[in-house]
């Protein structure tokens, strides 16, 4: 499944790309495999990061 992909590679790609699909493509794997690797290594995916940021912005707007 991982094709010799290291945790460091997954972390870097997860930070750089804005979607799981793009990140998976950069590593030469399917989006689903990328998501699974992130879950295995406990790395926040681009999708999860986007959802977290939206939620934080929504909470800040409600408070302000």
N, C-alpha and C. Protein backbone atom coordinates (compact mmCIF):
# COMPACT_ATOMS: atom_id res chain seq x y z
N UNK A 1 0.80 -1.20 0.00
CA UNK A 1 0.00 0.00 0.00
C UNK A 1 0.85 1.26 0.00
N UNK A 2 1.92 1.31 0.79
CA UNK A 2 2.64 2.57 0.97
C UNK A 2 3.76 2.80 -0.03
N UNK A 3 4.13 1.78 -0.82
CA UNK A 3 5.16 1.92 -1.85
C UNK A 3 6.45 2.54 -1.30
N UNK A 4 6.79 2.27 -0.04
CA UNK A 4 8.00 2.81 0.55
C UNK A 4 7.92 4.29 0.87
N UNK A 5 6.73 4.80 1.07
CA UNK A 5 6.54 6.22 1.38
C UNK A 5 6.75 6.43 2.87
N UNK A 6 7.61 7.37 3.21
CA UNK A 6 7.93 7.62 4.62
C UNK A 6 6.95 8.59 5.25
N UNK A 7 6.94 8.59 6.57
CA UNK A 7 6.10 9.51 7.33
C UNK A 7 6.44 10.97 6.97
N UNK A 8 7.72 11.26 6.83
CA UNK A 8 8.15 12.62 6.51
C UNK A 8 7.60 13.07 5.16
N UNK A 9 7.59 12.17 4.19
CA UNK A 9 7.04 12.51 2.88
C UNK A 9 5.55 12.81 2.98
N UNK A 10 4.83 11.99 3.74
CA UNK A 10 3.40 12.20 3.89
C UNK A 10 3.13 13.53 4.61
N UNK A 11 3.89 13.82 5.66
CA UNK A 11 3.71 15.08 6.39
C UNK A 11 3.94 16.28 5.47
N UNK A 12 5.01 16.22 4.69
CA UNK A 12 5.34 17.34 3.80
C UNK A 12 4.27 17.57 2.75
N UNK A 13 3.82 16.50 2.12
CA UNK A 13 2.80 16.62 1.08
C UNK A 13 1.48 17.10 1.68
N UNK A 14 1.16 16.64 2.89
CA UNK A 14 -0.08 17.07 3.55
C UNK A 14 -0.06 18.57 3.85
N UNK A 15 1.12 19.11 4.13
CA UNK A 15 1.25 20.55 4.39
C UNK A 15 1.18 21.37 3.10
N UNK A 16 1.78 20.87 2.04
CA UNK A 16 1.92 21.63 0.81
C UNK A 16 0.63 21.72 0.00
N UNK A 17 -0.07 20.60 -0.14
CA UNK A 17 -1.21 20.55 -1.05
C UNK A 17 -2.52 20.89 -0.34
N UNK A 18 -3.47 21.41 -1.11
CA UNK A 18 -4.75 21.85 -0.57
C UNK A 18 -5.86 20.82 -0.67
N UNK A 19 -5.58 19.68 -1.26
CA UNK A 19 -6.60 18.63 -1.33
C UNK A 19 -5.93 17.27 -1.19
N UNK A 20 -6.69 16.33 -0.69
CA UNK A 20 -6.17 14.97 -0.55
C UNK A 20 -5.86 14.37 -1.92
N UNK A 21 -6.65 14.72 -2.91
CA UNK A 21 -6.44 14.19 -4.25
C UNK A 21 -5.10 14.66 -4.81
N UNK A 22 -4.81 15.95 -4.69
CA UNK A 22 -3.54 16.49 -5.18
C UNK A 22 -2.35 15.90 -4.41
N UNK A 23 -2.52 15.75 -3.10
CA UNK A 23 -1.45 15.19 -2.28
C UNK A 23 -1.17 13.74 -2.68
N UNK A 24 -2.21 12.97 -2.87
CA UNK A 24 -2.04 11.59 -3.30
C UNK A 24 -1.37 11.50 -4.65
N UNK A 25 -1.79 12.36 -5.56
CA UNK A 25 -1.21 12.37 -6.91
C UNK A 25 0.28 12.70 -6.84
N UNK A 26 0.66 13.63 -5.95
CA UNK A 26 2.07 14.00 -5.81
C UNK A 26 2.92 12.82 -5.34
N UNK A 27 2.32 11.96 -4.53
CA UNK A 27 3.04 10.78 -4.05
C UNK A 27 2.91 9.59 -5.00
N UNK A 28 2.06 9.72 -6.00
CA UNK A 28 1.86 8.63 -6.95
C UNK A 28 0.96 7.53 -6.41
N UNK A 29 0.05 7.91 -5.52
CA UNK A 29 -0.90 6.95 -4.95
C UNK A 29 -2.32 7.51 -5.04
N UNK A 30 -3.29 6.66 -4.82
CA UNK A 30 -4.68 7.09 -4.83
C UNK A 30 -4.99 7.96 -3.61
N UNK A 31 -6.00 8.80 -3.74
CA UNK A 31 -6.42 9.67 -2.65
C UNK A 31 -6.77 8.84 -1.41
N UNK A 32 -7.44 7.74 -1.60
CA UNK A 32 -7.84 6.87 -0.49
C UNK A 32 -6.61 6.33 0.25
N UNK A 33 -5.59 5.96 -0.49
CA UNK A 33 -4.37 5.46 0.14
C UNK A 33 -3.66 6.56 0.91
N UNK A 34 -3.67 7.76 0.36
CA UNK A 34 -3.07 8.90 1.06
C UNK A 34 -3.81 9.15 2.38
N UNK A 35 -5.13 9.15 2.34
CA UNK A 35 -5.93 9.36 3.55
C UNK A 35 -5.65 8.27 4.58
N UNK A 36 -5.51 7.06 4.11
CA UNK A 36 -5.23 5.93 5.01
C UNK A 36 -3.85 6.08 5.66
N UNK A 37 -2.85 6.50 4.87
CA UNK A 37 -1.51 6.73 5.42
C UNK A 37 -1.55 7.83 6.47
N UNK A 38 -2.29 8.90 6.20
CA UNK A 38 -2.41 9.99 7.17
C UNK A 38 -3.03 9.49 8.47
N UNK A 39 -4.05 8.68 8.35
CA UNK A 39 -4.70 8.13 9.55
C UNK A 39 -3.72 7.23 10.30
N UNK A 40 -2.98 6.43 9.59
CA UNK A 40 -2.00 5.53 10.21
C UNK A 40 -0.93 6.30 10.96
N UNK A 41 -0.43 7.37 10.33
CA UNK A 41 0.64 8.18 10.93
C UNK A 41 0.11 9.32 11.81
N UNK A 42 -1.22 9.43 11.93
CA UNK A 42 -1.86 10.49 12.72
C UNK A 42 -1.44 11.88 12.23
N UNK A 43 -1.58 12.08 10.93
CA UNK A 43 -1.25 13.35 10.28
C UNK A 43 -2.56 13.97 9.80
N UNK A 44 -2.72 15.26 10.02
CA UNK A 44 -3.92 15.96 9.57
C UNK A 44 -3.89 16.08 8.05
N UNK A 45 -4.96 15.64 7.41
CA UNK A 45 -5.05 15.72 5.95
C UNK A 45 -5.40 17.14 5.53
N UNK A 46 -5.15 17.48 4.27
CA UNK A 46 -5.57 18.80 3.78
C UNK A 46 -7.08 19.02 3.96
N UNK A 47 -7.87 17.98 3.76
CA UNK A 47 -9.32 18.09 3.94
C UNK A 47 -9.67 18.41 5.39
N UNK A 48 -9.05 17.70 6.33
CA UNK A 48 -9.31 17.95 7.75
C UNK A 48 -8.83 19.34 8.16
N UNK A 49 -7.71 19.77 7.61
CA UNK A 49 -7.18 21.10 7.91
C UNK A 49 -8.16 22.18 7.45
N UNK A 50 -8.70 22.00 6.25
CA UNK A 50 -9.66 22.96 5.70
C UNK A 50 -10.93 23.01 6.56
N UNK A 51 -11.42 21.84 6.97
CA UNK A 51 -12.60 21.80 7.83
C UNK A 51 -12.33 22.47 9.18
N UNK A 52 -11.16 22.23 9.77
CA UNK A 52 -10.81 22.83 11.06
C UNK A 52 -10.73 24.35 10.95
N UNK A 53 -10.11 24.84 9.88
CA UNK A 53 -9.99 26.28 9.70
C UNK A 53 -11.34 26.95 9.50
N UNK A 54 -12.22 26.29 8.74
CA UNK A 54 -13.57 26.83 8.55
C UNK A 54 -14.32 26.89 9.88
N UNK A 55 -14.21 25.84 10.66
CA UNK A 55 -14.88 25.81 11.96
C UNK A 55 -14.33 26.87 12.90
N UNK A 56 -13.01 27.05 12.91
CA UNK A 56 -12.40 28.08 13.75
C UNK A 56 -12.86 29.47 13.32
N UNK A 57 -12.94 29.70 12.01
CA UNK A 57 -13.39 31.00 11.51
C UNK A 57 -14.85 31.23 11.88
N UNK A 58 -15.66 30.19 11.79
CA UNK A 58 -17.07 30.30 12.13
C UNK A 58 -17.24 30.63 13.62
N UNK A 59 -16.44 29.97 14.47
CA UNK A 59 -16.51 30.24 15.90
C UNK A 59 -16.06 31.66 16.22
N UNK A 60 -15.01 32.12 15.54
CA UNK A 60 -14.51 33.48 15.77
C UNK A 60 -15.56 34.50 15.35
N UNK A 61 -16.26 34.24 14.26
CA UNK A 61 -17.29 35.15 13.79
C UNK A 61 -18.47 35.19 14.77
N UNK A 62 -18.80 34.05 15.35
CA UNK A 62 -19.89 33.99 16.33
C UNK A 62 -19.54 34.73 17.61
N UNK A 63 -18.27 34.68 17.99
CA UNK A 63 -17.82 35.34 19.22
C UNK A 63 -17.67 36.84 19.03
N UNK A 64 -17.29 37.25 17.82
CA UNK A 64 -16.96 38.65 17.55
C UNK A 64 -18.14 39.44 17.24
